[in-house]
N, C-alpha and C. Protein backbone atom coordinates (compact mmCIF):
# COMPACT_ATOMS: atom_id res chain seq x y z
N MET A 1 20.36 1.86 27.48
CA MET A 1 19.11 2.92 27.30
C MET A 1 18.57 1.62 26.72
N GLN A 2 17.65 0.87 26.37
CA GLN A 2 16.68 -0.17 26.69
C GLN A 2 15.66 0.95 25.26
N TYR A 3 14.68 0.51 24.45
CA TYR A 3 13.69 0.97 24.42
C TYR A 3 12.66 -0.39 24.47
N LYS A 4 11.45 0.60 24.64
CA LYS A 4 10.22 -0.20 24.88
C LYS A 4 10.00 -0.69 23.49
N ARG A 5 8.91 -2.19 23.81
CA ARG A 5 8.65 -2.45 22.45
C ARG A 5 7.38 -1.69 22.05
N ALA A 6 7.30 -1.09 22.84
CA ALA A 6 5.86 -0.11 22.43
C ALA A 6 5.77 0.85 21.67
N ALA A 7 7.38 1.27 21.32
CA ALA A 7 8.37 1.99 20.52
C ALA A 7 7.88 1.80 19.21
N GLY A 8 7.98 0.58 18.88
CA GLY A 8 7.64 0.10 17.42
C GLY A 8 6.34 0.08 17.32
N LEU A 9 5.18 -0.68 18.05
CA LEU A 9 3.77 -0.09 17.73
C LEU A 9 4.20 1.03 17.06
N TYR A 10 4.22 2.21 17.89
CA TYR A 10 4.01 3.64 17.47
C TYR A 10 5.12 3.90 16.65
N VAL A 11 6.32 4.01 15.63
CA VAL A 11 6.66 3.64 15.23
C VAL A 11 6.14 3.47 13.23
N GLY A 12 5.65 2.41 14.38
CA GLY A 12 4.88 1.37 12.75
C GLY A 12 3.53 2.27 12.38
N GLY A 13 2.47 2.76 12.94
CA GLY A 13 1.88 3.49 13.18
C GLY A 13 1.75 4.06 12.31
N ILE A 14 2.00 5.27 13.18
CA ILE A 14 2.89 6.57 12.31
C ILE A 14 3.35 6.16 10.53
N CYS A 15 4.25 5.60 10.97
CA CYS A 15 4.61 4.94 8.86
C CYS A 15 3.96 4.16 8.23
N LEU A 16 2.53 4.11 9.13
CA LEU A 16 1.27 3.60 8.10
C LEU A 16 0.50 4.77 7.96
N ILE A 17 0.38 5.33 8.97
CA ILE A 17 -0.47 6.79 8.89
C ILE A 17 0.12 7.64 7.30
N LEU A 18 0.90 7.76 7.44
CA LEU A 18 1.96 7.91 6.62
C LEU A 18 2.30 8.38 5.35
N GLY A 19 1.99 6.45 5.46
CA GLY A 19 2.16 5.89 3.60
C GLY A 19 1.52 5.13 3.98
N GLY A 20 0.28 5.18 3.82
CA GLY A 20 -0.71 4.72 3.41
C GLY A 20 -2.06 5.05 2.63
N PRO A 21 -1.56 6.71 2.37
CA PRO A 21 -2.94 6.83 1.27
C PRO A 21 -1.02 7.04 -0.02
N LEU A 22 -0.16 6.68 0.50
CA LEU A 22 1.07 6.18 -0.44
C LEU A 22 1.25 5.50 -1.43
N VAL A 23 0.60 4.09 -0.72
CA VAL A 23 0.76 2.63 -1.01
C VAL A 23 -1.00 2.85 -1.76
N THR A 24 -1.79 3.66 -1.33
CA THR A 24 -3.23 3.44 -2.70
C THR A 24 -3.05 4.19 -3.23
N PHE A 25 -2.47 5.47 -3.35
CA PHE A 25 -2.53 5.62 -4.61
C PHE A 25 -1.93 5.23 -5.24
N ILE A 26 -0.73 4.68 -5.31
CA ILE A 26 0.46 4.17 -6.13
C ILE A 26 -1.02 2.52 -6.37
N GLY A 27 -0.94 1.68 -6.21
CA GLY A 27 -1.58 0.96 -6.14
C GLY A 27 -2.91 1.17 -6.94
N THR A 28 -3.36 1.60 -6.52
CA THR A 28 -5.26 2.59 -8.30
C THR A 28 -4.49 3.16 -9.10
N THR A 29 -3.12 3.73 -9.07
CA THR A 29 -2.67 4.51 -10.75
C THR A 29 -2.39 3.03 -11.06
N PHE A 30 -1.28 1.65 -10.37
CA PHE A 30 -0.99 1.97 -11.60
C PHE A 30 -2.43 0.16 -11.53
N GLY A 31 -2.67 -0.27 -10.88
CA GLY A 31 -4.21 -0.73 -11.22
C GLY A 31 -4.89 -0.44 -12.86
N THR A 32 -5.33 0.52 -12.02
CA THR A 32 -6.08 0.82 -13.20
C THR A 32 -5.50 1.04 -15.30
N ARG A 33 -4.31 1.39 -14.57
CA ARG A 33 -3.37 1.10 -15.81
C ARG A 33 -2.70 0.20 -16.57
N ALA A 34 -2.79 -0.92 -15.73
CA ALA A 34 -2.57 -2.20 -15.71
C ALA A 34 -4.51 -3.18 -16.96
N VAL A 35 -5.02 -2.50 -16.16
CA VAL A 35 -6.43 -3.12 -16.64
C VAL A 35 -6.86 -2.53 -18.28
N VAL A 36 -6.57 -1.05 -18.09
CA VAL A 36 -6.87 -0.21 -18.97
C VAL A 36 -5.35 -0.52 -20.62
N ASN A 37 -4.40 -0.82 -20.25
CA ASN A 37 -4.01 -1.44 -21.18
C ASN A 37 -3.70 -2.92 -21.44
N ASN A 38 -3.92 -3.66 -20.69
CA ASN A 38 -3.65 -5.19 -21.27
C ASN A 38 -5.06 -6.09 -20.43
N PRO A 39 -6.88 -5.66 -20.47
CA PRO A 39 -7.42 -6.17 -19.56
C PRO A 39 -7.21 -8.10 -18.86
N SER A 40 -6.50 -8.58 -19.94
CA SER A 40 -6.51 -9.73 -19.75
C SER A 40 -5.35 -9.85 -18.54
N ASN A 41 -4.45 -9.50 -18.04
CA ASN A 41 -3.74 -9.25 -17.14
C ASN A 41 -3.70 -9.33 -15.80
N ASN A 42 -2.77 -10.74 -15.33
CA ASN A 42 -2.98 -10.96 -14.36
C ASN A 42 -2.40 -10.01 -12.87
N LEU A 43 -1.76 -8.59 -13.40
CA LEU A 43 -1.84 -7.88 -12.78
C LEU A 43 -2.30 -6.45 -12.30
N SER A 44 -3.11 -6.75 -12.00
CA SER A 44 -4.29 -5.04 -12.23
C SER A 44 -4.51 -5.96 -10.73
N GLY A 45 -4.99 -7.33 -10.72
CA GLY A 45 -5.13 -7.93 -9.27
C GLY A 45 -4.22 -7.72 -8.44
N LEU A 46 -2.87 -7.53 -8.56
CA LEU A 46 -1.62 -7.42 -7.07
C LEU A 46 -1.73 -5.94 -6.94
N PHE A 47 -1.96 -5.02 -8.09
CA PHE A 47 -1.73 -3.40 -7.60
C PHE A 47 -3.36 -3.13 -6.90
N ILE A 48 -4.59 -3.31 -7.20
CA ILE A 48 -5.27 -3.41 -6.69
C ILE A 48 -5.89 -3.97 -4.78
N GLY A 49 -4.84 -5.43 -4.76
CA GLY A 49 -3.98 -5.25 -3.67
C GLY A 49 -3.66 -4.84 -3.10
N VAL A 50 -2.55 -4.51 -3.67
CA VAL A 50 -1.39 -3.00 -2.85
C VAL A 50 -2.15 -2.15 -2.30
N ALA A 51 -3.18 -2.42 -2.87
CA ALA A 51 -4.49 -0.75 -3.10
C ALA A 51 -4.45 -0.78 -1.21
N ALA A 52 -5.63 -2.12 -1.46
CA ALA A 52 -6.48 -2.55 -0.37
C ALA A 52 -5.72 -2.34 0.91
N PHE A 53 -4.34 -3.05 1.12
CA PHE A 53 -3.42 -2.66 1.56
C PHE A 53 -3.27 -1.16 2.46
N GLY A 54 -2.85 -0.68 1.75
CA GLY A 54 -2.46 0.54 2.27
C GLY A 54 -3.57 1.80 3.36
N CYS A 55 -5.59 1.16 2.46
CA CYS A 55 -6.24 1.39 2.76
C CYS A 55 -6.21 1.52 4.70
C-alpha cells in the first residue's frame, strides 16, 4: 500500500493545530521568565520567536 503525499500534509496540519498552542505557551512563558530574570540576556528573543512560530 502506497501512501499519498497529501497524507503528510494532513498529519502535519493536525500536529500544528494541536501543538501550536503548546509551543506558543512554552515560548511565551520562558520568554517572559528570561526577560524578568535577566533583561540584558538575548535568550528572550529566541523564545519570542518560538512563540511566534506556534501562532
